[in-house]
Amino acid sequence: MSDATEAVRRELLAEINAQPGSREALEAQHGRVWDTQELGQDFEVLGFAAPLVVVRRRSDGVRGSLFFHHSPRHYFAFQAD
């Protein structure tokens, strides 16, 4: 099976993890940021395709995606589908 998004995702993954920055820097750039525990409280994780995670927001059932970087693990830039 071929993944048409793989090349783009690899580029994004390298870019995001090259300079992950602090939580405060991510919040200034993207707004709300979640750590792993907070993510589980606010969202149901439906799948991962690094550097993206597909989620369903628990408060209203809205499906969407977030970017994440690996270390420290932060999720950011929620975008509803």
Protein backbone atom coordinates (compact mmCIF):
# COMPACT_ATOMS: atom_id res chain seq x y z
CA MET A 1 0.00 0.00 0.00
CA SER A 2 1.37 3.40 -0.98
CA ASP A 3 1.01 6.46 1.26
CA ALA A 4 0.66 9.60 -0.85
CA THR A 5 1.29 11.79 2.22
CA GLU A 6 4.51 10.13 3.38
CA ALA A 7 6.98 12.51 1.73
CA VAL A 8 5.18 15.60 3.02
CA ARG A 9 4.82 14.11 6.51
CA ARG A 10 8.53 13.24 6.63
CA GLU A 11 9.43 16.83 5.75
CA LEU A 12 7.07 18.20 8.40
CA LEU A 13 8.37 15.73 10.96
CA ALA A 14 11.98 16.78 10.36
CA GLU A 15 11.03 20.47 10.50
CA ILE A 16 8.98 20.18 13.70
CA ASN A 17 11.56 18.07 15.54
CA ALA A 18 14.57 20.11 14.38
CA GLN A 19 13.68 22.88 16.85
CA PRO A 20 10.90 21.64 19.12
CA GLY A 21 11.03 24.66 21.41
CA SER A 22 9.35 25.14 24.75
CA ARG A 23 5.68 24.81 25.57
CA GLU A 24 5.52 28.58 26.02
CA ALA A 25 6.96 29.16 22.54
CA LEU A 26 4.44 26.74 21.01
CA GLU A 27 1.58 28.45 22.88
CA ALA A 28 2.70 31.85 21.59
CA GLN A 29 2.76 30.54 18.03
CA HIS A 30 -0.18 28.09 17.97
CA GLY A 31 -2.41 28.81 20.96
CA ARG A 32 -3.47 25.87 23.13
CA VAL A 33 -0.85 23.15 23.71
CA TRP A 34 -1.41 19.74 25.34
CA ASP A 35 0.98 17.27 26.97
CA THR A 36 0.17 13.55 26.74
CA GLN A 37 -1.99 13.50 29.88
CA GLU A 38 -3.94 16.60 28.86
CA LEU A 39 -4.44 15.19 25.37
CA GLY A 40 -6.08 12.08 26.83
CA GLN A 41 -8.38 14.21 28.97
CA ASP A 42 -9.56 16.43 26.11
CA PHE A 43 -9.40 14.08 23.11
CA GLU A 44 -9.90 10.47 22.05
CA VAL A 45 -6.94 9.49 19.88
CA LEU A 46 -8.07 7.82 16.66
CA GLY A 47 -4.71 7.39 14.93
CA PHE A 48 -1.16 8.61 14.45
CA ALA A 49 0.61 9.54 11.23
CA ALA A 50 3.63 11.48 12.49
CA PRO A 51 3.78 14.41 12.88
CA LEU A 52 -0.02 14.35 13.05
CA VAL A 53 -2.49 12.71 15.38
CA VAL A 54 -6.15 12.28 14.46
CA VAL A 55 -8.48 12.92 17.39
CA ARG A 56 -12.08 13.33 18.47
CA ARG A 57 -12.67 16.15 20.96
CA ARG A 58 -14.44 14.74 24.01
CA SER A 59 -16.43 17.89 24.81
CA ASP A 60 -18.39 17.96 21.54
CA GLY A 61 -17.35 14.97 19.40
CA VAL A 62 -15.63 17.13 16.78
CA ARG A 63 -13.04 15.19 14.81
CA GLY A 64 -9.78 16.86 13.85
CA SER A 65 -6.01 16.68 13.96
CA LEU A 66 -3.08 18.05 15.93
CA PHE A 67 0.62 18.31 15.22
CA PHE A 68 3.06 16.91 17.75
CA HIS A 69 6.77 16.79 18.37
CA HIS A 70 8.62 14.05 20.17
CA SER A 71 10.74 15.51 22.93
CA PRO A 72 9.26 16.95 24.95
CA ARG A 73 5.99 15.48 23.67
CA HIS A 74 3.57 18.34 23.02
CA TYR A 75 0.49 18.45 20.82
CA PHE A 76 -0.56 21.71 19.18
CA ALA A 77 -2.43 23.49 16.36
CA PHE A 78 -5.78 21.67 16.61
CA GLN A 79 -7.62 21.80 13.31
CA ALA A 80 -11.20 20.54 13.06
CA ASP A 81 -12.07 18.50 9.96
